[in-house]
Amino acid sequence: FFDAYKEYGIDIWGITPGNEPLDGFFPFF
């Protein structure tokens, strides 16, 4: 993903490991 956006001149400043990581523990999500 970083590579693909870099090809278009877009640099990524920051990242988190994943969005709302507790949500994924609930099968009804």
mmCIF file of all heavy atoms, coordinates in Angstrom:
data_MODEL
# 
_entry.id   MODEL 
# 
loop_
_atom_site.group_PDB 
_atom_site.id 
_atom_site.type_symbol 
_atom_site.label_atom_id 
_atom_site.label_alt_id 
_atom_site.label_comp_id 
_atom_site.label_asym_id 
_atom_site.label_entity_id 
_atom_site.label_seq_id 
_atom_site.pdbx_PDB_ins_code 
_atom_site.Cartn_x 
_atom_site.Cartn_y 
_atom_site.Cartn_z 
_atom_site.occupancy 
_atom_site.B_iso_or_equiv 
_atom_site.pdbx_formal_charge 
_atom_site.auth_seq_id 
_atom_site.auth_comp_id 
_atom_site.auth_asym_id 
_atom_site.auth_atom_id 
_atom_site.pdbx_PDB_model_num 
ATOM 1   N N   . PHE A 1 1  ? 0.840   -1.203  0.000   1.00 0.00 ? 1  PHE A N   1 
ATOM 2   C CA  . PHE A 1 1  ? 0.000   0.000   0.000   1.00 0.00 ? 1  PHE A CA  1 
ATOM 3   C C   . PHE A 1 1  ? 0.876   1.254   0.000   1.00 0.00 ? 1  PHE A C   1 
ATOM 4   O O   . PHE A 1 1  ? 0.638   2.190   -0.760  1.00 0.00 ? 1  PHE A O   1 
ATOM 5   C CB  . PHE A 1 1  ? -0.922  -0.012  1.222   1.00 0.00 ? 1  PHE A CB  1 
ATOM 6   C CG  . PHE A 1 1  ? -1.633  1.296   1.456   1.00 0.00 ? 1  PHE A CG  1 
ATOM 7   C CD1 . PHE A 1 1  ? -2.759  1.629   0.718   1.00 0.00 ? 1  PHE A CD1 1 
ATOM 8   C CD2 . PHE A 1 1  ? -1.168  2.199   2.412   1.00 0.00 ? 1  PHE A CD2 1 
ATOM 9   C CE1 . PHE A 1 1  ? -3.422  2.837   0.926   1.00 0.00 ? 1  PHE A CE1 1 
ATOM 10  C CE2 . PHE A 1 1  ? -1.818  3.406   2.625   1.00 0.00 ? 1  PHE A CE2 1 
ATOM 11  C CZ  . PHE A 1 1  ? -2.947  3.730   1.882   1.00 0.00 ? 1  PHE A CZ  1 
ATOM 12  N N   . PHE A 1 2  ? 1.895   1.277   0.855   1.00 0.00 ? 2  PHE A N   1 
ATOM 13  C CA  . PHE A 1 2  ? 2.830   2.412   0.883   1.00 0.00 ? 2  PHE A CA  1 
ATOM 14  C C   . PHE A 1 2  ? 3.471   2.596   -0.493  1.00 0.00 ? 2  PHE A C   1 
ATOM 15  O O   . PHE A 1 2  ? 3.583   3.712   -0.988  1.00 0.00 ? 2  PHE A O   1 
ATOM 16  C CB  . PHE A 1 2  ? 3.914   2.178   1.943   1.00 0.00 ? 2  PHE A CB  1 
ATOM 17  C CG  . PHE A 1 2  ? 3.540   2.604   3.335   1.00 0.00 ? 2  PHE A CG  1 
ATOM 18  C CD1 . PHE A 1 2  ? 2.520   1.960   4.021   1.00 0.00 ? 2  PHE A CD1 1 
ATOM 19  C CD2 . PHE A 1 2  ? 4.211   3.625   3.966   1.00 0.00 ? 2  PHE A CD2 1 
ATOM 20  C CE1 . PHE A 1 2  ? 2.176   2.342   5.306   1.00 0.00 ? 2  PHE A CE1 1 
ATOM 21  C CE2 . PHE A 1 2  ? 3.884   4.015   5.248   1.00 0.00 ? 2  PHE A CE2 1 
ATOM 22  C CZ  . PHE A 1 2  ? 2.862   3.372   5.925   1.00 0.00 ? 2  PHE A CZ  1 
ATOM 23  N N   . ASP A 1 3  ? 3.900   1.479   -1.099  1.00 0.00 ? 3  ASP A N   1 
ATOM 24  C CA  . ASP A 1 3  ? 4.533   1.541   -2.416  1.00 0.00 ? 3  ASP A CA  1 
ATOM 25  C C   . ASP A 1 3  ? 3.576   2.122   -3.463  1.00 0.00 ? 3  ASP A C   1 
ATOM 26  O O   . ASP A 1 3  ? 3.959   2.972   -4.278  1.00 0.00 ? 3  ASP A O   1 
ATOM 27  C CB  . ASP A 1 3  ? 4.961   0.140   -2.870  1.00 0.00 ? 3  ASP A CB  1 
ATOM 28  C CG  . ASP A 1 3  ? 6.150   -0.411  -2.109  1.00 0.00 ? 3  ASP A CG  1 
ATOM 29  O OD1 . ASP A 1 3  ? 6.868   0.371   -1.464  1.00 0.00 ? 3  ASP A OD1 1 
ATOM 30  O OD2 . ASP A 1 3  ? 6.349   -1.647  -2.161  1.00 0.00 ? 3  ASP A OD2 1 
ATOM 31  N N   . ALA A 1 4  ? 2.334   1.634   -3.438  1.00 0.00 ? 4  ALA A N   1 
ATOM 32  C CA  . ALA A 1 4  ? 1.360   2.031   -4.455  1.00 0.00 ? 4  ALA A CA  1 
ATOM 33  C C   . ALA A 1 4  ? 1.056   3.518   -4.383  1.00 0.00 ? 4  ALA A C   1 
ATOM 34  O O   . ALA A 1 4  ? 0.969   4.204   -5.413  1.00 0.00 ? 4  ALA A O   1 
ATOM 35  C CB  . ALA A 1 4  ? 0.080   1.217   -4.289  1.00 0.00 ? 4  ALA A CB  1 
ATOM 36  N N   . TYR A 1 5  ? 0.910   4.046   -3.178  1.00 0.00 ? 5  TYR A N   1 
ATOM 37  C CA  . TYR A 1 5  ? 0.634   5.474   -3.032  1.00 0.00 ? 5  TYR A CA  1 
ATOM 38  C C   . TYR A 1 5  ? 1.883   6.311   -3.316  1.00 0.00 ? 5  TYR A C   1 
ATOM 39  O O   . TYR A 1 5  ? 1.790   7.428   -3.836  1.00 0.00 ? 5  TYR A O   1 
ATOM 40  C CB  . TYR A 1 5  ? 0.057   5.765   -1.642  1.00 0.00 ? 5  TYR A CB  1 
ATOM 41  C CG  . TYR A 1 5  ? -1.460  5.688   -1.623  1.00 0.00 ? 5  TYR A CG  1 
ATOM 42  C CD1 . TYR A 1 5  ? -2.122  4.490   -1.891  1.00 0.00 ? 5  TYR A CD1 1 
ATOM 43  C CD2 . TYR A 1 5  ? -2.236  6.809   -1.371  1.00 0.00 ? 5  TYR A CD2 1 
ATOM 44  C CE1 . TYR A 1 5  ? -3.500  4.405   -1.900  1.00 0.00 ? 5  TYR A CE1 1 
ATOM 45  C CE2 . TYR A 1 5  ? -3.618  6.748   -1.367  1.00 0.00 ? 5  TYR A CE2 1 
ATOM 46  C CZ  . TYR A 1 5  ? -4.248  5.537   -1.638  1.00 0.00 ? 5  TYR A CZ  1 
ATOM 47  O OH  . TYR A 1 5  ? -5.621  5.468   -1.659  1.00 0.00 ? 5  TYR A OH  1 
ATOM 48  N N   . LYS A 1 6  ? 3.043   5.763   -2.981  1.00 0.00 ? 6  LYS A N   1 
ATOM 49  C CA  . LYS A 1 6  ? 4.304   6.460   -3.255  1.00 0.00 ? 6  LYS A CA  1 
ATOM 50  C C   . LYS A 1 6  ? 4.481   6.682   -4.756  1.00 0.00 ? 6  LYS A C   1 
ATOM 51  O O   . LYS A 1 6  ? 5.025   7.720   -5.181  1.00 0.00 ? 6  LYS A O   1 
ATOM 52  C CB  . LYS A 1 6  ? 5.472   5.638   -2.705  1.00 0.00 ? 6  LYS A CB  1 
ATOM 53  C CG  . LYS A 1 6  ? 6.849   6.241   -2.947  1.00 0.00 ? 6  LYS A CG  1 
ATOM 54  C CD  . LYS A 1 6  ? 7.084   7.462   -2.070  1.00 0.00 ? 6  LYS A CD  1 
ATOM 55  C CE  . LYS A 1 6  ? 8.515   7.941   -2.179  1.00 0.00 ? 6  LYS A CE  1 
ATOM 56  N NZ  . LYS A 1 6  ? 8.761   9.141   -1.348  1.00 0.00 ? 6  LYS A NZ  1 
ATOM 57  N N   . GLU A 1 7  ? 4.030   5.743   -5.569  1.00 0.00 ? 7  GLU A N   1 
ATOM 58  C CA  . GLU A 1 7  ? 4.142   5.880   -7.024  1.00 0.00 ? 7  GLU A CA  1 
ATOM 59  C C   . GLU A 1 7  ? 3.431   7.132   -7.533  1.00 0.00 ? 7  GLU A C   1 
ATOM 60  O O   . GLU A 1 7  ? 3.786   7.665   -8.585  1.00 0.00 ? 7  GLU A O   1 
ATOM 61  C CB  . GLU A 1 7  ? 3.562   4.638   -7.714  1.00 0.00 ? 7  GLU A CB  1 
ATOM 62  C CG  . GLU A 1 7  ? 4.452   3.417   -7.646  1.00 0.00 ? 7  GLU A CG  1 
ATOM 63  C CD  . GLU A 1 7  ? 3.861   2.257   -8.433  1.00 0.00 ? 7  GLU A CD  1 
ATOM 64  O OE1 . GLU A 1 7  ? 2.993   2.508   -9.305  1.00 0.00 ? 7  GLU A OE1 1 
ATOM 65  O OE2 . GLU A 1 7  ? 4.264   1.106   -8.180  1.00 0.00 ? 7  GLU A OE2 1 
ATOM 66  N N   . TYR A 1 8  ? 2.438   7.580   -6.783  1.00 0.00 ? 8  TYR A N   1 
ATOM 67  C CA  . TYR A 1 8  ? 1.684   8.774   -7.178  1.00 0.00 ? 8  TYR A CA  1 
ATOM 68  C C   . TYR A 1 8  ? 2.112   10.009  -6.389  1.00 0.00 ? 8  TYR A C   1 
ATOM 69  O O   . TYR A 1 8  ? 1.417   11.020  -6.360  1.00 0.00 ? 8  TYR A O   1 
ATOM 70  C CB  . TYR A 1 8  ? 0.190   8.530   -6.992  1.00 0.00 ? 8  TYR A CB  1 
ATOM 71  C CG  . TYR A 1 8  ? -0.352  7.487   -7.934  1.00 0.00 ? 8  TYR A CG  1 
ATOM 72  C CD1 . TYR A 1 8  ? -0.477  6.151   -7.528  1.00 0.00 ? 8  TYR A CD1 1 
ATOM 73  C CD2 . TYR A 1 8  ? -0.722  7.813   -9.235  1.00 0.00 ? 8  TYR A CD2 1 
ATOM 74  C CE1 . TYR A 1 8  ? -0.966  5.181   -8.399  1.00 0.00 ? 8  TYR A CE1 1 
ATOM 75  C CE2 . TYR A 1 8  ? -1.214  6.848   -10.105 1.00 0.00 ? 8  TYR A CE2 1 
ATOM 76  C CZ  . TYR A 1 8  ? -1.336  5.540   -9.676  1.00 0.00 ? 8  TYR A CZ  1 
ATOM 77  O OH  . TYR A 1 8  ? -1.816  4.579   -10.543 1.00 0.00 ? 8  TYR A OH  1 
ATOM 78  N N   . GLY A 1 9  ? 3.269   9.904   -5.743  1.00 0.00 ? 9  GLY A N   1 
ATOM 79  C CA  . GLY A 1 9  ? 3.818   11.050  -5.035  1.00 0.00 ? 9  GLY A CA  1 
ATOM 80  C C   . GLY A 1 9  ? 3.176   11.317  -3.690  1.00 0.00 ? 9  GLY A C   1 
ATOM 81  O O   . GLY A 1 9  ? 3.292   12.432  -3.154  1.00 0.00 ? 9  GLY A O   1 
ATOM 82  N N   . ILE A 1 10 ? 2.534   10.319  -3.118  1.00 0.00 ? 10 ILE A N   1 
ATOM 83  C CA  . ILE A 1 10 ? 1.857   10.493  -1.828  1.00 0.00 ? 10 ILE A CA  1 
ATOM 84  C C   . ILE A 1 10 ? 2.605   9.730   -0.754  1.00 0.00 ? 10 ILE A C   1 
ATOM 85  O O   . ILE A 1 10 ? 2.711   8.495   -0.795  1.00 0.00 ? 10 ILE A O   1 
ATOM 86  C CB  . ILE A 1 10 ? 0.396   10.028  -1.908  1.00 0.00 ? 10 ILE A CB  1 
ATOM 87  C CG1 . ILE A 1 10 ? -0.363  10.904  -2.914  1.00 0.00 ? 10 ILE A CG1 1 
ATOM 88  C CG2 . ILE A 1 10 ? -0.275  10.073  -0.538  1.00 0.00 ? 10 ILE A CG2 1 
ATOM 89  C CD1 . ILE A 1 10 ? -1.781  10.483  -3.158  1.00 0.00 ? 10 ILE A CD1 1 
ATOM 90  N N   . ASP A 1 11 ? 3.157   10.461  0.199   1.00 0.00 ? 11 ASP A N   1 
ATOM 91  C CA  . ASP A 1 11 ? 3.892   9.879   1.313   1.00 0.00 ? 11 ASP A CA  1 
ATOM 92  C C   . ASP A 1 11 ? 2.970   9.740   2.524   1.00 0.00 ? 11 ASP A C   1 
ATOM 93  O O   . ASP A 1 11 ? 2.135   10.611  2.786   1.00 0.00 ? 11 ASP A O   1 
ATOM 94  C CB  . ASP A 1 11 ? 5.091   10.742  1.686   1.00 0.00 ? 11 ASP A CB  1 
ATOM 95  C CG  . ASP A 1 11 ? 6.121   10.816  0.560   1.00 0.00 ? 11 ASP A CG  1 
ATOM 96  O OD1 . ASP A 1 11 ? 6.421   9.758   -0.018  1.00 0.00 ? 11 ASP A OD1 1 
ATOM 97  O OD2 . ASP A 1 11 ? 6.585   11.938  0.253   1.00 0.00 ? 11 ASP A OD2 1 
ATOM 98  N N   . ILE A 1 12 ? 3.151   8.665   3.266   1.00 0.00 ? 12 ILE A N   1 
ATOM 99  C CA  . ILE A 1 12 ? 2.361   8.409   4.466   1.00 0.00 ? 12 ILE A CA  1 
ATOM 100 C C   . ILE A 1 12 ? 3.144   8.876   5.686   1.00 0.00 ? 12 ILE A C   1 
ATOM 101 O O   . ILE A 1 12 ? 4.264   8.429   5.919   1.00 0.00 ? 12 ILE A O   1 
ATOM 102 C CB  . ILE A 1 12 ? 2.009   6.915   4.598   1.00 0.00 ? 12 ILE A CB  1 
ATOM 103 C CG1 . ILE A 1 12 ? 1.336   6.395   3.315   1.00 0.00 ? 12 ILE A CG1 1 
ATOM 104 C CG2 . ILE A 1 12 ? 1.129   6.675   5.822   1.00 0.00 ? 12 ILE A CG2 1 
ATOM 105 C CD1 . ILE A 1 12 ? 0.028   7.071   2.975   1.00 0.00 ? 12 ILE A CD1 1 
ATOM 106 N N   . TRP A 1 13 ? 2.540   9.767   6.458   1.00 0.00 ? 13 TRP A N   1 
ATOM 107 C CA  . TRP A 1 13 ? 3.202   10.315  7.656   1.00 0.00 ? 13 TRP A CA  1 
ATOM 108 C C   . TRP A 1 13 ? 3.119   9.367   8.838   1.00 0.00 ? 13 TRP A C   1 
ATOM 109 O O   . TRP A 1 13 ? 4.073   9.212   9.590   1.00 0.00 ? 13 TRP A O   1 
ATOM 110 C CB  . TRP A 1 13 ? 2.570   11.657  8.025   1.00 0.00 ? 13 TRP A CB  1 
ATOM 111 C CG  . TRP A 1 13 ? 2.976   12.190  9.367   1.00 0.00 ? 13 TRP A CG  1 
ATOM 112 C CD1 . TRP A 1 13 ? 4.129   12.871  9.672   1.00 0.00 ? 13 TRP A CD1 1 
ATOM 113 C CD2 . TRP A 1 13 ? 2.249   12.071  10.602  1.00 0.00 ? 13 TRP A CD2 1 
ATOM 114 N NE1 . TRP A 1 13 ? 4.156   13.191  11.016  1.00 0.00 ? 13 TRP A NE1 1 
ATOM 115 C CE2 . TRP A 1 13 ? 3.009   12.709  11.602  1.00 0.00 ? 13 TRP A CE2 1 
ATOM 116 C CE3 . TRP A 1 13 ? 1.011   11.503  10.945  1.00 0.00 ? 13 TRP A CE3 1 
ATOM 117 C CZ2 . TRP A 1 13 ? 2.574   12.792  12.933  1.00 0.00 ? 13 TRP A CZ2 1 
ATOM 118 C CZ3 . TRP A 1 13 ? 0.585   11.575  12.255  1.00 0.00 ? 13 TRP A CZ3 1 
ATOM 119 C CH2 . TRP A 1 13 ? 1.359   12.208  13.224  1.00 0.00 ? 13 TRP A CH2 1 
ATOM 120 N N   . GLY A 1 14 ? 1.955   8.735   9.042   1.00 0.00 ? 14 GLY A N   1 
ATOM 121 C CA  . GLY A 1 14 ? 1.768   7.934   10.243  1.00 0.00 ? 14 GLY A CA  1 
ATOM 122 C C   . GLY A 1 14 ? 0.879   6.730   10.010  1.00 0.00 ? 14 GLY A C   1 
ATOM 123 O O   . GLY A 1 14 ? 0.162   6.632   9.008   1.00 0.00 ? 14 GLY A O   1 
ATOM 124 N N   . ILE A 1 15 ? 0.913   5.795   10.968  1.00 0.00 ? 15 ILE A N   1 
ATOM 125 C CA  . ILE A 1 15 ? 0.132   4.566   10.853  1.00 0.00 ? 15 ILE A CA  1 
ATOM 126 C C   . ILE A 1 15 ? -0.191  4.024   12.238  1.00 0.00 ? 15 ILE A C   1 
ATOM 127 O O   . ILE A 1 15 ? 0.577   4.238   13.191  1.00 0.00 ? 15 ILE A O   1 
ATOM 128 C CB  . ILE A 1 15 ? 0.890   3.499   10.022  1.00 0.00 ? 15 ILE A CB  1 
ATOM 129 C CG1 . ILE A 1 15 ? 0.002   2.298   9.728   1.00 0.00 ? 15 ILE A CG1 1 
ATOM 130 C CG2 . ILE A 1 15 ? 2.187   3.087   10.712  1.00 0.00 ? 15 ILE A CG2 1 
ATOM 131 C CD1 . ILE A 1 15 ? 0.612   1.309   8.735   1.00 0.00 ? 15 ILE A CD1 1 
ATOM 132 N N   . THR A 1 16 ? -1.329  3.345   12.343  1.00 0.00 ? 16 THR A N   1 
ATOM 133 C CA  . THR A 1 16 ? -1.653  2.586   13.546  1.00 0.00 ? 16 THR A CA  1 
ATOM 134 C C   . THR A 1 16 ? -1.742  1.107   13.152  1.00 0.00 ? 16 THR A C   1 
ATOM 135 O O   . THR A 1 16 ? -1.984  0.784   11.985  1.00 0.00 ? 16 THR A O   1 
ATOM 136 C CB  . THR A 1 16 ? -2.992  3.035   14.174  1.00 0.00 ? 16 THR A CB  1 
ATOM 137 O OG1 . THR A 1 16 ? -4.084  2.619   13.340  1.00 0.00 ? 16 THR A OG1 1 
ATOM 138 C CG2 . THR A 1 16 ? -3.037  4.552   14.346  1.00 0.00 ? 16 THR A CG2 1 
ATOM 139 N N   . PRO A 1 17 ? -1.576  0.184   14.105  1.00 0.00 ? 17 PRO A N   1 
ATOM 140 C CA  . PRO A 1 17 ? -1.615  -1.247  13.762  1.00 0.00 ? 17 PRO A CA  1 
ATOM 141 C C   . PRO A 1 17 ? -2.941  -1.694  13.163  1.00 0.00 ? 17 PRO A C   1 
ATOM 142 O O   . PRO A 1 17 ? -2.979  -2.626  12.363  1.00 0.00 ? 17 PRO A O   1 
ATOM 143 C CB  . PRO A 1 17 ? -1.352  -1.939  15.103  1.00 0.00 ? 17 PRO A CB  1 
ATOM 144 C CG  . PRO A 1 17 ? -0.580  -0.935  15.895  1.00 0.00 ? 17 PRO A CG  1 
ATOM 145 C CD  . PRO A 1 17 ? -1.153  0.397   15.490  1.00 0.00 ? 17 PRO A CD  1 
ATOM 146 N N   . GLY A 1 18 ? -4.042  -1.058  13.568  1.00 0.00 ? 18 GLY A N   1 
ATOM 147 C CA  . GLY A 1 18 ? -5.340  -1.438  13.023  1.00 0.00 ? 18 GLY A CA  1 
ATOM 148 C C   . GLY A 1 18 ? -6.444  -0.603  13.630  1.00 0.00 ? 18 GLY A C   1 
ATOM 149 O O   . GLY A 1 18 ? -6.334  -0.114  14.760  1.00 0.00 ? 18 GLY A O   1 
ATOM 150 N N   . ASN A 1 19 ? -7.524  -0.427  12.894  1.00 0.00 ? 19 ASN A N   1 
ATOM 151 C CA  . ASN A 1 19 ? -8.641  0.374   13.369  1.00 0.00 ? 19 ASN A CA  1 
ATOM 152 C C   . ASN A 1 19 ? -9.454  -0.390  14.421  1.00 0.00 ? 19 ASN A C   1 
ATOM 153 O O   . ASN A 1 19 ? -9.816  -1.542  14.215  1.00 0.00 ? 19 ASN A O   1 
ATOM 154 C CB  . ASN A 1 19 ? -9.556  0.725   12.192  1.00 0.00 ? 19 ASN A CB  1 
ATOM 155 C CG  . ASN A 1 19 ? -10.780 1.503   12.627  1.00 0.00 ? 19 ASN A CG  1 
ATOM 156 O OD1 . ASN A 1 19 ? -10.696 2.675   12.964  1.00 0.00 ? 19 ASN A OD1 1 
ATOM 157 N ND2 . ASN A 1 19 ? -11.943 0.852   12.632  1.00 0.00 ? 19 ASN A ND2 1 
ATOM 158 N N   . GLU A 1 20 ? -9.724  0.247   15.540  1.00 0.00 ? 20 GLU A N   1 
ATOM 159 C CA  . GLU A 1 20 ? -10.574 -0.275  16.615  1.00 0.00 ? 20 GLU A CA  1 
ATOM 160 C C   . GLU A 1 20 ? -10.325 -1.771  16.864  1.00 0.00 ? 20 GLU A C   1 
ATOM 161 O O   . GLU A 1 20 ? -11.184 -2.618  16.586  1.00 0.00 ? 20 GLU A O   1 
ATOM 162 C CB  . GLU A 1 20 ? -12.041 0.015   16.317  1.00 0.00 ? 20 GLU A CB  1 
ATOM 163 C CG  . GLU A 1 20 ? -12.313 1.518   16.256  1.00 0.00 ? 20 GLU A CG  1 
ATOM 164 C CD  . GLU A 1 20 ? -13.779 1.891   16.164  1.00 0.00 ? 20 GLU A CD  1 
ATOM 165 O OE1 . GLU A 1 20 ? -14.624 0.986   15.983  1.00 0.00 ? 20 GLU A OE1 1 
ATOM 166 O OE2 . GLU A 1 20 ? -14.083 3.097   16.267  1.00 0.00 ? 20 GLU A OE2 1 
ATOM 167 N N   . PRO A 1 21 ? -9.170  -2.101  17.399  1.00 0.00 ? 21 PRO A N   1 
ATOM 168 C CA  . PRO A 1 21 ? -8.745  -3.501  17.496  1.00 0.00 ? 21 PRO A CA  1 
ATOM 169 C C   . PRO A 1 21 ? -9.603  -4.395  18.381  1.00 0.00 ? 21 PRO A C   1 
ATOM 170 O O   . PRO A 1 21 ? -9.560  -5.615  18.228  1.00 0.00 ? 21 PRO A O   1 
ATOM 171 C CB  . PRO A 1 21 ? -7.315  -3.390  18.038  1.00 0.00 ? 21 PRO A CB  1 
ATOM 172 C CG  . PRO A 1 21 ? -7.249  -2.047  18.694  1.00 0.00 ? 21 PRO A CG  1 
ATOM 173 C CD  . PRO A 1 21 ? -8.129  -1.172  17.890  1.00 0.00 ? 21 PRO A CD  1 
ATOM 174 N N   . LEU A 1 22 ? -10.381 -3.820  19.293  1.00 0.00 ? 22 LEU A N   1 
ATOM 175 C CA  . LEU A 1 22 ? -11.225 -4.672  20.133  1.00 0.00 ? 22 LEU A CA  1 
ATOM 176 C C   . LEU A 1 22 ? -12.454 -5.172  19.388  1.00 0.00 ? 22 LEU A C   1 
ATOM 177 O O   . LEU A 1 22 ? -13.022 -6.210  19.731  1.00 0.00 ? 22 LEU A O   1 
ATOM 178 C CB  . LEU A 1 22 ? -11.653 -3.928  21.403  1.00 0.00 ? 22 LEU A CB  1 
ATOM 179 C CG  . LEU A 1 22 ? -10.550 -3.600  22.418  1.00 0.00 ? 22 LEU A CG  1 
ATOM 180 C CD1 . LEU A 1 22 ? -11.158 -3.154  23.730  1.00 0.00 ? 22 LEU A CD1 1 
ATOM 181 C CD2 . LEU A 1 22 ? -9.610  -4.787  22.644  1.00 0.00 ? 22 LEU A CD2 1 
ATOM 182 N N   . ASP A 1 23 ? -12.883 -4.442  18.344  1.00 0.00 ? 23 ASP A N   1 
ATOM 183 C CA  . ASP A 1 23 ? -14.090 -4.833  17.608  1.00 0.00 ? 23 ASP A CA  1 
ATOM 184 C C   . ASP A 1 23 ? -13.968 -6.238  17.026  1.00 0.00 ? 23 ASP A C   1 
ATOM 185 O O   . ASP A 1 23 ? -14.947 -6.992  16.954  1.00 0.00 ? 23 ASP A O   1 
ATOM 186 C CB  . ASP A 1 23 ? -14.360 -3.857  16.452  1.00 0.00 ? 23 ASP A CB  1 
ATOM 187 C CG  . ASP A 1 23 ? -14.715 -2.464  16.936  1.00 0.00 ? 23 ASP A CG  1 
ATOM 188 O OD1 . ASP A 1 23 ? -14.962 -2.303  18.148  1.00 0.00 ? 23 ASP A OD1 1 
ATOM 189 O OD2 . ASP A 1 23 ? -14.735 -1.538  16.105  1.00 0.00 ? 23 ASP A OD2 1 
ATOM 190 N N   . GLY A 1 24 ? -12.772 -6.592  16.598  1.00 0.00 ? 24 GLY A N   1 
ATOM 191 C CA  . GLY A 1 24 ? -12.575 -7.862  15.903  1.00 0.00 ? 24 GLY A CA  1 
ATOM 192 C C   . GLY A 1 24 ? -12.711 -9.104  16.757  1.00 0.00 ? 24 GLY A C   1 
ATOM 193 O O   . GLY A 1 24 ? -12.662 -10.214 16.233  1.00 0.00 ? 24 GLY A O   1 
ATOM 194 N N   . PHE A 1 25 ? -12.900 -8.921  18.064  1.00 0.00 ? 25 PHE A N   1 
ATOM 195 C CA  . PHE A 1 25 ? -13.063 -10.080 18.939  1.00 0.00 ? 25 PHE A CA  1 
ATOM 196 C C   . PHE A 1 25 ? -14.526 -10.490 19.089  1.00 0.00 ? 25 PHE A C   1 
ATOM 197 O O   . PHE A 1 25 ? -14.825 -11.453 19.799  1.00 0.00 ? 25 PHE A O   1 
ATOM 198 C CB  . PHE A 1 25 ? -12.460 -9.787  20.317  1.00 0.00 ? 25 PHE A CB  1 
ATOM 199 C CG  . PHE A 1 25 ? -10.962 -9.703  20.302  1.00 0.00 ? 25 PHE A CG  1 
ATOM 200 C CD1 . PHE A 1 25 ? -10.317 -8.474  20.384  1.00 0.00 ? 25 PHE A CD1 1 
ATOM 201 C CD2 . PHE A 1 25 ? -10.183 -10.843 20.179  1.00 0.00 ? 25 PHE A CD2 1 
ATOM 202 C CE1 . PHE A 1 25 ? -8.937  -8.387  20.361  1.00 0.00 ? 25 PHE A CE1 1 
ATOM 203 C CE2 . PHE A 1 25 ? -8.801  -10.776 20.150  1.00 0.00 ? 25 PHE A CE2 1 
ATOM 204 C CZ  . PHE A 1 25 ? -8.170  -9.536  20.239  1.00 0.00 ? 25 PHE A CZ  1 
ATOM 205 N N   . PHE A 1 26 ? -15.433 -9.769  18.423  1.00 0.00 ? 26 PHE A N   1 
ATOM 206 C CA  . PHE A 1 26 ? -16.861 -10.036 18.583  1.00 0.00 ? 26 PHE A CA  1 
ATOM 207 C C   . PHE A 1 26 ? -17.452 -10.541 17.265  1.00 0.00 ? 26 PHE A C   1 
ATOM 208 O O   . PHE A 1 26 ? -17.565 -9.786  16.300  1.00 0.00 ? 26 PHE A O   1 
ATOM 209 C CB  . PHE A 1 26 ? -17.576 -8.774  19.039  1.00 0.00 ? 26 PHE A CB  1 
ATOM 210 C CG  . PHE A 1 26 ? -17.056 -8.240  20.349  1.00 0.00 ? 26 PHE A CG  1 
ATOM 211 C CD1 . PHE A 1 26 ? -16.139 -7.193  20.376  1.00 0.00 ? 26 PHE A CD1 1 
ATOM 212 C CD2 . PHE A 1 26 ? -17.457 -8.805  21.550  1.00 0.00 ? 26 PHE A CD2 1 
ATOM 213 C CE1 . PHE A 1 26 ? -15.647 -6.705  21.577  1.00 0.00 ? 26 PHE A CE1 1 
ATOM 214 C CE2 . PHE A 1 26 ? -16.971 -8.331  22.757  1.00 0.00 ? 26 PHE A CE2 1 
ATOM 215 C CZ  . PHE A 1 26 ? -16.070 -7.284  22.785  1.00 0.00 ? 26 PHE A CZ  1 
ATOM 216 N N   . PRO A 1 27 ? -17.846 -11.819 17.211  1.00 0.00 ? 27 PRO A N   1 
ATOM 217 C CA  . PRO A 1 27 ? -18.369 -12.403 15.966  1.00 0.00 ? 27 PRO A CA  1 
ATOM 218 C C   . PRO A 1 27 ? -19.617 -11.710 15.434  1.00 0.00 ? 27 PRO A C   1 
ATOM 219 O O   . PRO A 1 27 ? -19.918 -11.843 14.244  1.00 0.00 ? 27 PRO A O   1 
ATOM 220 C CB  . PRO A 1 27 ? -18.679 -13.851 16.375  1.00 0.00 ? 27 PRO A CB  1 
ATOM 221 C CG  . PRO A 1 27 ? -17.780 -14.121 17.526  1.00 0.00 ? 27 PRO A CG  1 
ATOM 222 C CD  . PRO A 1 27 ? -17.686 -12.821 18.278  1.00 0.00 ? 27 PRO A CD  1 
ATOM 223 N N   . PHE A 1 28 ? -20.357 -11.020 16.297  1.00 0.00 ? 28 PHE A N   1 
ATOM 224 C CA  . PHE A 1 28 ? -21.569 -10.340 15.857  1.00 0.00 ? 28 PHE A CA  1 
ATOM 225 C C   . PHE A 1 28 ? -21.286 -8.956  15.286  1.00 0.00 ? 28 PHE A C   1 
ATOM 226 O O   . PHE A 1 28 ? -22.217 -8.248  14.911  1.00 0.00 ? 28 PHE A O   1 
ATOM 227 C CB  . PHE A 1 28 ? -22.561 -10.218 17.022  1.00 0.00 ? 28 PHE A CB  1 
ATOM 228 C CG  . PHE A 1 28 ? -21.994 -9.585  18.258  1.00 0.00 ? 28 PHE A CG  1 
ATOM 229 C CD1 . PHE A 1 28 ? -21.845 -8.204  18.362  1.00 0.00 ? 28 PHE A CD1 1 
ATOM 230 C CD2 . PHE A 1 28 ? -21.592 -10.375 19.330  1.00 0.00 ? 28 PHE A CD2 1 
ATOM 231 C CE1 . PHE A 1 28 ? -21.310 -7.625  19.499  1.00 0.00 ? 28 PHE A CE1 1 
ATOM 232 C CE2 . PHE A 1 28 ? -21.058 -9.799  20.478  1.00 0.00 ? 28 PHE A CE2 1 
ATOM 233 C CZ  . PHE A 1 28 ? -20.923 -8.419  20.569  1.00 0.00 ? 28 PHE A CZ  1 
ATOM 234 N N   . PHE A 1 29 ? -19.997 -8.573  15.197  1.00 0.00 ? 29 PHE A N   1 
ATOM 235 C CA  . PHE A 1 29 ? -19.672 -7.240  14.697  1.00 0.00 ? 29 PHE A CA  1 
ATOM 236 C C   . PHE A 1 29 ? -20.105 -7.121  13.238  1.00 0.00 ? 29 PHE A C   1 
ATOM 237 O O   . PHE A 1 29 ? -20.043 -8.090  12.477  1.00 0.00 ? 29 PHE A O   1 
ATOM 238 C CB  . PHE A 1 29 ? -18.172 -6.956  14.849  1.00 0.00 ? 29 PHE A CB  1 
ATOM 239 C CG  . PHE A 1 29 ? -17.859 -5.480  14.880  1.00 0.00 ? 29 PHE A CG  1 
ATOM 240 C CD1 . PHE A 1 29 ? -18.214 -4.716  15.968  1.00 0.00 ? 29 PHE A CD1 1 
ATOM 241 C CD2 . PHE A 1 29 ? -17.236 -4.871  13.815  1.00 0.00 ? 29 PHE A CD2 1 
ATOM 242 C CE1 . PHE A 1 29 ? -17.955 -3.359  16.003  1.00 0.00 ? 29 PHE A CE1 1 
ATOM 243 C CE2 . PHE A 1 29 ? -16.969 -3.508  13.835  1.00 0.00 ? 29 PHE A CE2 1 
ATOM 244 C CZ  . PHE A 1 29 ? -17.325 -2.759  14.932  1.00 0.00 ? 29 PHE A CZ  1 
# 
